[in-house]
Amino acid sequence: MLKLRVVAVGDIKERFYREAIAEYIKRLGRWAKTEIVEVSEASHVTDDDKKRGAEGEEILKKVKGKCILADVKGKRVKSEDIAALLKTSALAGDSELTFVVGGSNGVSPAVKDRADEIISFGDITLPHQLFRVVLLEQLYRAETILSGTTYHK
């Protein structure tokens, strides 16, 4: 079974986000073992580069398998592209995929260098907590596309 990991900076405080995340993890359970790994925000660091560096070190410790970074400057993807990414990764023998969601200041160059792919969901700005929900929904949608279920229209 495919393993999907979302490594994200910061924790989810709002109950409604936690509930939505839990729902999509439950739905994804049909196709993949999915987990969220939270990395502490380096709130004690004031310099943005040092903050990205400190958070980046922690992110890199949590990455396993193929690494996909979500970044506004990445390659724009549609739901079908995410499905294709999952399919080609599985066919290539990648049994574990890590999706990285950086902090509010982005990620360090080391995280970008580690990424096998850098993707973007567009130019809009979303709160990081909401982005996790959107990412999980898109992973669920991708699995439904691959399995031919009627969720995706």
N, C-alpha and C. Protein backbone atom coordinates (compact mmCIF):
# COMPACT_ATOMS: atom_id res chain seq x y z
N MET A 1 0.85 -1.19 0.00
CA MET A 1 0.00 0.00 0.00
C MET A 1 0.88 1.24 0.00
N LEU A 2 0.48 2.22 -0.78
CA LEU A 2 1.20 3.48 -0.88
C LEU A 2 1.19 4.20 0.46
N LYS A 3 2.31 4.85 0.78
CA LYS A 3 2.38 5.67 1.99
C LYS A 3 2.50 7.13 1.56
N LEU A 4 1.58 7.94 2.06
CA LEU A 4 1.60 9.38 1.80
C LEU A 4 1.88 10.08 3.12
N ARG A 5 2.83 10.97 3.08
CA ARG A 5 3.20 11.73 4.27
C ARG A 5 3.15 13.21 3.91
N VAL A 6 2.53 13.99 4.76
CA VAL A 6 2.53 15.43 4.60
C VAL A 6 3.35 16.00 5.76
N VAL A 7 4.48 16.59 5.42
CA VAL A 7 5.32 17.24 6.43
C VAL A 7 5.04 18.73 6.33
N ALA A 8 4.58 19.31 7.43
CA ALA A 8 4.15 20.71 7.41
C ALA A 8 4.69 21.45 8.63
N VAL A 9 4.99 22.71 8.42
CA VAL A 9 5.47 23.56 9.51
C VAL A 9 4.28 24.09 10.29
N GLY A 10 4.34 23.98 11.60
CA GLY A 10 3.30 24.50 12.47
C GLY A 10 2.25 23.44 12.78
N ASP A 11 1.42 23.77 13.75
CA ASP A 11 0.37 22.83 14.13
C ASP A 11 -1.00 23.43 13.80
N ILE A 12 -1.97 22.56 13.80
CA ILE A 12 -3.35 22.96 13.49
C ILE A 12 -4.07 23.24 14.80
N LYS A 13 -4.50 24.47 14.98
CA LYS A 13 -5.17 24.86 16.22
C LYS A 13 -6.70 24.75 16.11
N GLU A 14 -7.22 25.05 14.93
CA GLU A 14 -8.67 25.10 14.75
C GLU A 14 -9.26 23.69 14.60
N ARG A 15 -10.29 23.42 15.38
CA ARG A 15 -10.92 22.10 15.36
C ARG A 15 -11.47 21.74 13.98
N PHE A 16 -12.08 22.69 13.30
CA PHE A 16 -12.68 22.39 12.01
C PHE A 16 -11.64 21.97 10.98
N TYR A 17 -10.43 22.52 11.03
CA TYR A 17 -9.37 22.07 10.14
C TYR A 17 -8.93 20.65 10.52
N ARG A 18 -8.77 20.41 11.81
CA ARG A 18 -8.37 19.06 12.27
C ARG A 18 -9.39 18.02 11.84
N GLU A 19 -10.68 18.37 11.94
CA GLU A 19 -11.73 17.44 11.54
C GLU A 19 -11.70 17.18 10.03
N ALA A 20 -11.49 18.21 9.24
CA ALA A 20 -11.42 18.04 7.78
C ALA A 20 -10.21 17.19 7.41
N ILE A 21 -9.08 17.43 8.05
CA ILE A 21 -7.88 16.64 7.78
C ILE A 21 -8.13 15.18 8.14
N ALA A 22 -8.73 14.94 9.29
CA ALA A 22 -9.03 13.56 9.71
C ALA A 22 -9.97 12.88 8.72
N GLU A 23 -10.93 13.60 8.20
CA GLU A 23 -11.88 13.03 7.23
C GLU A 23 -11.16 12.60 5.95
N TYR A 24 -10.29 13.44 5.42
CA TYR A 24 -9.59 13.07 4.19
C TYR A 24 -8.57 11.97 4.43
N ILE A 25 -7.94 11.94 5.58
CA ILE A 25 -7.04 10.82 5.89
C ILE A 25 -7.84 9.52 5.93
N LYS A 26 -9.03 9.58 6.53
CA LYS A 26 -9.90 8.39 6.59
C LYS A 26 -10.28 7.95 5.18
N ARG A 27 -10.69 8.88 4.34
CA ARG A 27 -11.08 8.56 2.97
C ARG A 27 -9.91 7.98 2.17
N LEU A 28 -8.73 8.54 2.36
CA LEU A 28 -7.55 8.06 1.65
C LEU A 28 -7.13 6.66 2.09
N GLY A 29 -7.57 6.25 3.27
CA GLY A 29 -7.21 4.95 3.80
C GLY A 29 -7.54 3.78 2.90
N ARG A 30 -8.45 3.98 2.01
CA ARG A 30 -8.82 2.95 1.03
C ARG A 30 -7.65 2.63 0.10
N TRP A 31 -6.81 3.64 -0.18
CA TRP A 31 -5.72 3.47 -1.14
C TRP A 31 -4.33 3.66 -0.56
N ALA A 32 -4.23 4.41 0.52
CA ALA A 32 -2.90 4.78 1.01
C ALA A 32 -2.92 4.97 2.53
N LYS A 33 -1.79 4.63 3.12
CA LYS A 33 -1.58 4.97 4.53
C LYS A 33 -1.10 6.42 4.53
N THR A 34 -1.84 7.29 5.18
CA THR A 34 -1.56 8.72 5.11
C THR A 34 -1.31 9.26 6.51
N GLU A 35 -0.28 10.09 6.63
CA GLU A 35 0.00 10.71 7.92
C GLU A 35 0.43 12.15 7.74
N ILE A 36 0.15 12.93 8.77
CA ILE A 36 0.60 14.32 8.85
C ILE A 36 1.72 14.36 9.88
N VAL A 37 2.83 14.95 9.50
CA VAL A 37 3.96 15.12 10.41
C VAL A 37 4.18 16.62 10.55
N GLU A 38 4.00 17.11 11.76
CA GLU A 38 4.16 18.54 12.00
C GLU A 38 5.56 18.85 12.52
N VAL A 39 6.14 19.90 11.97
CA VAL A 39 7.45 20.40 12.37
C VAL A 39 7.22 21.72 13.08
N SER A 40 7.88 21.92 14.18
CA SER A 40 7.69 23.15 14.95
C SER A 40 8.13 24.37 14.15
N GLU A 41 7.34 25.41 14.27
CA GLU A 41 7.68 26.69 13.66
C GLU A 41 8.83 27.30 14.46
N ALA A 42 9.81 27.84 13.77
CA ALA A 42 10.96 28.46 14.44
C ALA A 42 10.60 29.89 14.83
N SER A 43 9.61 30.03 15.68
CA SER A 43 9.09 31.36 16.04
C SER A 43 10.09 32.16 16.87
N HIS A 44 11.05 31.50 17.49
CA HIS A 44 12.05 32.18 18.31
C HIS A 44 13.13 32.87 17.46
N VAL A 45 13.16 32.55 16.16
CA VAL A 45 14.15 33.12 15.26
C VAL A 45 13.51 34.29 14.51
N THR A 46 14.20 35.43 14.50
CA THR A 46 13.62 36.61 13.86
C THR A 46 14.08 36.79 12.42
N ASP A 47 15.27 36.35 12.07
CA ASP A 47 15.78 36.47 10.71
C ASP A 47 15.11 35.43 9.82
N ASP A 48 14.49 35.87 8.71
CA ASP A 48 13.73 34.97 7.85
C ASP A 48 14.59 33.85 7.27
N ASP A 49 15.81 34.15 6.82
CA ASP A 49 16.67 33.11 6.26
C ASP A 49 17.03 32.07 7.31
N LYS A 50 17.33 32.53 8.51
CA LYS A 50 17.67 31.60 9.60
C LYS A 50 16.45 30.78 10.01
N LYS A 51 15.27 31.42 9.96
CA LYS A 51 14.03 30.71 10.29
C LYS A 51 13.79 29.60 9.27
N ARG A 52 13.91 29.92 7.98
CA ARG A 52 13.73 28.90 6.94
C ARG A 52 14.77 27.79 7.10
N GLY A 53 15.99 28.18 7.47
CA GLY A 53 17.05 27.19 7.66
C GLY A 53 16.75 26.24 8.81
N ALA A 54 16.32 26.80 9.94
CA ALA A 54 16.00 25.97 11.11
C ALA A 54 14.82 25.05 10.82
N GLU A 55 13.78 25.59 10.20
CA GLU A 55 12.61 24.77 9.87
C GLU A 55 12.99 23.73 8.81
N GLY A 56 13.82 24.14 7.86
CA GLY A 56 14.25 23.24 6.80
C GLY A 56 15.00 22.03 7.33
N GLU A 57 15.87 22.24 8.32
CA GLU A 57 16.60 21.12 8.93
C GLU A 57 15.62 20.10 9.51
N GLU A 58 14.59 20.59 10.17
CA GLU A 58 13.59 19.70 10.77
C GLU A 58 12.74 19.01 9.71
N ILE A 59 12.39 19.74 8.67
CA ILE A 59 11.63 19.14 7.56
C ILE A 59 12.42 17.99 6.96
N LEU A 60 13.69 18.23 6.66
CA LEU A 60 14.51 17.21 5.99
C LEU A 60 14.65 15.94 6.81
N LYS A 61 14.61 16.06 8.13
CA LYS A 61 14.67 14.87 8.99
C LYS A 61 13.44 13.99 8.83
N LYS A 62 12.34 14.58 8.38
CA LYS A 62 11.06 13.87 8.31
C LYS A 62 10.73 13.35 6.91
N VAL A 63 11.49 13.78 5.91
CA VAL A 63 11.21 13.37 4.53
C VAL A 63 11.62 11.92 4.33
N LYS A 64 10.71 11.16 3.72
CA LYS A 64 10.99 9.77 3.36
C LYS A 64 10.50 9.54 1.94
N GLY A 65 11.25 8.79 1.17
CA GLY A 65 10.83 8.48 -0.19
C GLY A 65 10.92 9.68 -1.10
N LYS A 66 10.09 9.66 -2.12
CA LYS A 66 10.04 10.76 -3.09
C LYS A 66 9.49 12.00 -2.41
N CYS A 67 10.11 13.15 -2.67
CA CYS A 67 9.73 14.40 -2.00
C CYS A 67 9.11 15.36 -3.00
N ILE A 68 7.88 15.79 -2.69
CA ILE A 68 7.16 16.75 -3.52
C ILE A 68 6.92 18.00 -2.67
N LEU A 69 7.48 19.10 -3.09
CA LEU A 69 7.34 20.36 -2.37
C LEU A 69 6.19 21.16 -2.97
N ALA A 70 5.30 21.64 -2.13
CA ALA A 70 4.25 22.55 -2.56
C ALA A 70 4.78 23.97 -2.38
N ASP A 71 4.89 24.68 -3.48
CA ASP A 71 5.46 26.02 -3.47
C ASP A 71 4.77 26.85 -4.54
N VAL A 72 4.43 28.08 -4.22
CA VAL A 72 3.71 28.94 -5.16
C VAL A 72 4.47 29.10 -6.48
N LYS A 73 5.79 28.96 -6.46
CA LYS A 73 6.60 29.12 -7.67
C LYS A 73 6.84 27.80 -8.39
N GLY A 74 6.20 26.74 -7.92
CA GLY A 74 6.37 25.44 -8.55
C GLY A 74 5.57 25.31 -9.83
N LYS A 75 5.63 24.10 -10.40
CA LYS A 75 4.88 23.80 -11.62
C LYS A 75 3.40 23.72 -11.27
N ARG A 76 2.59 24.48 -11.98
CA ARG A 76 1.14 24.47 -11.73
C ARG A 76 0.57 23.12 -12.13
N VAL A 77 -0.24 22.57 -11.24
CA VAL A 77 -0.82 21.25 -11.49
C VAL A 77 -2.34 21.29 -11.38
N LYS A 78 -2.96 20.40 -12.15
CA LYS A 78 -4.39 20.15 -12.07
C LYS A 78 -4.57 18.85 -11.30
N SER A 79 -5.79 18.53 -10.96
CA SER A 79 -6.09 17.29 -10.25
C SER A 79 -5.59 16.08 -11.03
N GLU A 80 -5.77 16.10 -12.33
CA GLU A 80 -5.31 14.99 -13.17
C GLU A 80 -3.79 14.85 -13.13
N ASP A 81 -3.09 15.97 -13.00
CA ASP A 81 -1.63 15.92 -12.90
C ASP A 81 -1.19 15.25 -11.60
N ILE A 82 -1.91 15.51 -10.54
CA ILE A 82 -1.58 14.89 -9.25
C ILE A 82 -1.85 13.39 -9.34
N ALA A 83 -2.94 13.01 -10.00
CA ALA A 83 -3.22 11.59 -10.21
C ALA A 83 -2.09 10.94 -11.01
N ALA A 84 -1.65 11.61 -12.06
CA ALA A 84 -0.55 11.08 -12.87
C ALA A 84 0.73 10.97 -12.06
N LEU A 85 0.98 11.94 -11.19
CA LEU A 85 2.16 11.90 -10.32
C LEU A 85 2.11 10.67 -9.41
N LEU A 86 0.95 10.41 -8.82
CA LEU A 86 0.81 9.23 -7.96
C LEU A 86 1.01 7.95 -8.76
N LYS A 87 0.43 7.90 -9.94
CA LYS A 87 0.52 6.70 -10.77
C LYS A 87 1.95 6.45 -11.23
N THR A 88 2.61 7.48 -11.76
CA THR A 88 3.98 7.28 -12.25
C THR A 88 4.94 6.98 -11.10
N SER A 89 4.69 7.55 -9.95
CA SER A 89 5.53 7.25 -8.80
C SER A 89 5.38 5.79 -8.40
N ALA A 90 4.13 5.31 -8.37
CA ALA A 90 3.88 3.91 -8.02
C ALA A 90 4.51 2.98 -9.05
N LEU A 91 4.37 3.31 -10.32
CA LEU A 91 4.96 2.47 -11.38
C LEU A 91 6.48 2.46 -11.32
N ALA A 92 7.06 3.56 -10.84
CA ALA A 92 8.51 3.64 -10.71
C ALA A 92 9.01 2.94 -9.44
N GLY A 93 8.08 2.43 -8.64
CA GLY A 93 8.47 1.72 -7.43
C GLY A 93 8.58 2.59 -6.19
N ASP A 94 8.12 3.83 -6.29
CA ASP A 94 8.13 4.71 -5.12
C ASP A 94 6.93 4.35 -4.24
N SER A 95 7.19 3.69 -3.13
CA SER A 95 6.09 3.27 -2.27
C SER A 95 5.76 4.32 -1.21
N GLU A 96 6.62 5.33 -1.10
CA GLU A 96 6.40 6.37 -0.10
C GLU A 96 6.65 7.74 -0.72
N LEU A 97 5.67 8.62 -0.55
CA LEU A 97 5.77 9.98 -1.07
C LEU A 97 5.61 10.96 0.09
N THR A 98 6.48 11.94 0.14
CA THR A 98 6.37 12.99 1.15
C THR A 98 6.04 14.30 0.46
N PHE A 99 4.94 14.92 0.88
CA PHE A 99 4.55 16.24 0.40
C PHE A 99 4.94 17.23 1.48
N VAL A 100 5.68 18.26 1.10
CA VAL A 100 6.18 19.25 2.06
C VAL A 100 5.41 20.55 1.90
N VAL A 101 4.93 21.06 3.05
CA VAL A 101 4.28 22.36 3.12
C VAL A 101 5.13 23.20 4.07
N GLY A 102 5.80 24.20 3.53
CA GLY A 102 6.69 25.02 4.34
C GLY A 102 5.94 25.99 5.23
N GLY A 103 6.69 26.77 5.95
CA GLY A 103 6.12 27.78 6.84
C GLY A 103 5.70 29.02 6.07
N SER A 104 5.26 30.02 6.79
CA SER A 104 4.76 31.24 6.16
C SER A 104 5.84 32.02 5.41
N ASN A 105 7.10 31.73 5.71
CA ASN A 105 8.21 32.39 5.01
C ASN A 105 8.82 31.51 3.91
N GLY A 106 8.16 30.40 3.59
CA GLY A 106 8.70 29.51 2.57
C GLY A 106 9.63 28.48 3.17
N VAL A 107 10.46 27.89 2.30
CA VAL A 107 11.39 26.85 2.75
C VAL A 107 12.82 27.21 2.38
N SER A 108 13.74 26.54 3.00
CA SER A 108 15.16 26.79 2.76
C SER A 108 15.59 26.23 1.40
N PRO A 109 16.69 26.74 0.88
CA PRO A 109 17.23 26.17 -0.37
C PRO A 109 17.52 24.67 -0.24
N ALA A 110 17.89 24.22 0.94
CA ALA A 110 18.17 22.78 1.13
C ALA A 110 16.92 21.94 0.90
N VAL A 111 15.77 22.43 1.32
CA VAL A 111 14.52 21.70 1.11
C VAL A 111 14.18 21.70 -0.38
N LYS A 112 14.35 22.84 -1.03
CA LYS A 112 14.10 22.90 -2.48
C LYS A 112 15.03 21.96 -3.23
N ASP A 113 16.29 21.89 -2.81
CA ASP A 113 17.24 20.99 -3.46
C ASP A 113 16.87 19.53 -3.27
N ARG A 114 16.30 19.20 -2.12
CA ARG A 114 15.91 17.82 -1.83
C ARG A 114 14.66 17.40 -2.60
N ALA A 115 13.84 18.35 -2.96
CA ALA A 115 12.57 18.04 -3.62
C ALA A 115 12.80 17.39 -4.98
N ASP A 116 12.10 16.29 -5.20
CA ASP A 116 12.13 15.64 -6.51
C ASP A 116 11.23 16.37 -7.49
N GLU A 117 10.18 16.99 -6.96
CA GLU A 117 9.26 17.79 -7.77
C GLU A 117 8.79 18.97 -6.92
N ILE A 118 8.54 20.09 -7.59
CA ILE A 118 7.98 21.26 -6.92
C ILE A 118 6.70 21.62 -7.66
N ILE A 119 5.59 21.58 -6.94
CA ILE A 119 4.29 21.81 -7.56
C ILE A 119 3.61 23.02 -6.92
N SER A 120 2.65 23.58 -7.66
CA SER A 120 1.88 24.73 -7.18
C SER A 120 0.42 24.51 -7.51
N PHE A 121 -0.45 24.93 -6.60
CA PHE A 121 -1.88 24.88 -6.85
C PHE A 121 -2.39 26.21 -7.38
N GLY A 122 -1.48 27.10 -7.75
CA GLY A 122 -1.88 28.38 -8.33
C GLY A 122 -1.31 29.55 -7.57
N ASP A 123 -1.74 30.73 -7.96
CA ASP A 123 -1.18 31.96 -7.41
C ASP A 123 -1.90 32.49 -6.17
N ILE A 124 -2.98 31.83 -5.77
CA ILE A 124 -3.70 32.33 -4.60
C ILE A 124 -2.91 32.04 -3.33
N THR A 125 -3.14 32.84 -2.32
CA THR A 125 -2.52 32.62 -1.02
C THR A 125 -3.56 32.02 -0.09
N LEU A 126 -3.20 30.89 0.51
CA LEU A 126 -4.08 30.21 1.47
C LEU A 126 -3.39 30.16 2.82
N PRO A 127 -4.15 30.20 3.90
CA PRO A 127 -3.54 29.92 5.20
C PRO A 127 -2.95 28.51 5.16
N HIS A 128 -1.82 28.31 5.81
CA HIS A 128 -1.16 27.00 5.75
C HIS A 128 -2.04 25.88 6.27
N GLN A 129 -2.87 26.17 7.28
CA GLN A 129 -3.76 25.14 7.80
C GLN A 129 -4.78 24.72 6.74
N LEU A 130 -5.33 25.68 6.04
CA LEU A 130 -6.30 25.39 4.99
C LEU A 130 -5.62 24.67 3.83
N PHE A 131 -4.39 25.05 3.53
CA PHE A 131 -3.69 24.40 2.43
C PHE A 131 -3.53 22.90 2.68
N ARG A 132 -3.31 22.53 3.92
CA ARG A 132 -3.20 21.09 4.23
C ARG A 132 -4.49 20.37 3.87
N VAL A 133 -5.62 20.98 4.18
CA VAL A 133 -6.91 20.38 3.84
C VAL A 133 -7.04 20.28 2.32
N VAL A 134 -6.70 21.33 1.60
CA VAL A 134 -6.78 21.33 0.14
C VAL A 134 -5.86 20.26 -0.45
N LEU A 135 -4.65 20.16 0.06
CA LEU A 135 -3.70 19.14 -0.42
C LEU A 135 -4.27 17.74 -0.22
N LEU A 136 -4.78 17.47 0.98
CA LEU A 136 -5.35 16.14 1.24
C LEU A 136 -6.57 15.87 0.36
N GLU A 137 -7.38 16.89 0.14
CA GLU A 137 -8.53 16.71 -0.74
C GLU A 137 -8.06 16.38 -2.15
N GLN A 138 -7.02 17.05 -2.62
CA GLN A 138 -6.50 16.78 -3.96
C GLN A 138 -5.87 15.39 -4.06
N LEU A 139 -5.24 14.93 -3.00
CA LEU A 139 -4.70 13.56 -2.99
C LEU A 139 -5.85 12.56 -3.05
N TYR A 140 -6.91 12.83 -2.30
CA TYR A 140 -8.09 11.97 -2.34
C TYR A 140 -8.70 11.99 -3.74
N ARG A 141 -8.85 13.17 -4.30
CA ARG A 141 -9.42 13.31 -5.65
C ARG A 141 -8.55 12.54 -6.65
N ALA A 142 -7.24 12.65 -6.53
CA ALA A 142 -6.33 11.94 -7.43
C ALA A 142 -6.55 10.43 -7.35
N GLU A 143 -6.72 9.92 -6.14
CA GLU A 143 -6.95 8.49 -5.99
C GLU A 143 -8.29 8.08 -6.59
N THR A 144 -9.30 8.94 -6.47
CA THR A 144 -10.59 8.60 -7.08
C THR A 144 -10.50 8.64 -8.60
N ILE A 145 -9.70 9.54 -9.15
CA ILE A 145 -9.49 9.58 -10.59
C ILE A 145 -8.85 8.27 -11.04
N LEU A 146 -7.81 7.84 -10.32
CA LEU A 146 -7.10 6.61 -10.69
C LEU A 146 -7.99 5.38 -10.57
N SER A 147 -8.88 5.39 -9.60
CA SER A 147 -9.73 4.21 -9.39
C SER A 147 -11.03 4.27 -10.20
N GLY A 148 -11.29 5.40 -10.83
CA GLY A 148 -12.48 5.53 -11.67
C GLY A 148 -13.78 5.73 -10.90
N THR A 149 -13.69 6.14 -9.65
CA THR A 149 -14.90 6.42 -8.91
C THR A 149 -15.49 7.76 -9.33
N THR A 150 -16.70 8.03 -8.92
CA THR A 150 -17.43 9.19 -9.45
C THR A 150 -17.19 10.50 -8.69
N TYR A 151 -16.31 10.54 -7.74
CA TYR A 151 -16.07 11.77 -6.97
C TYR A 151 -15.61 12.91 -7.88
N HIS A 152 -14.65 12.63 -8.77
CA HIS A 152 -14.11 13.67 -9.64
C HIS A 152 -15.00 13.85 -10.85
N LYS A 153 -15.36 15.10 -11.13
CA LYS A 153 -16.20 15.37 -12.31
C LYS A 153 -15.51 16.30 -13.25
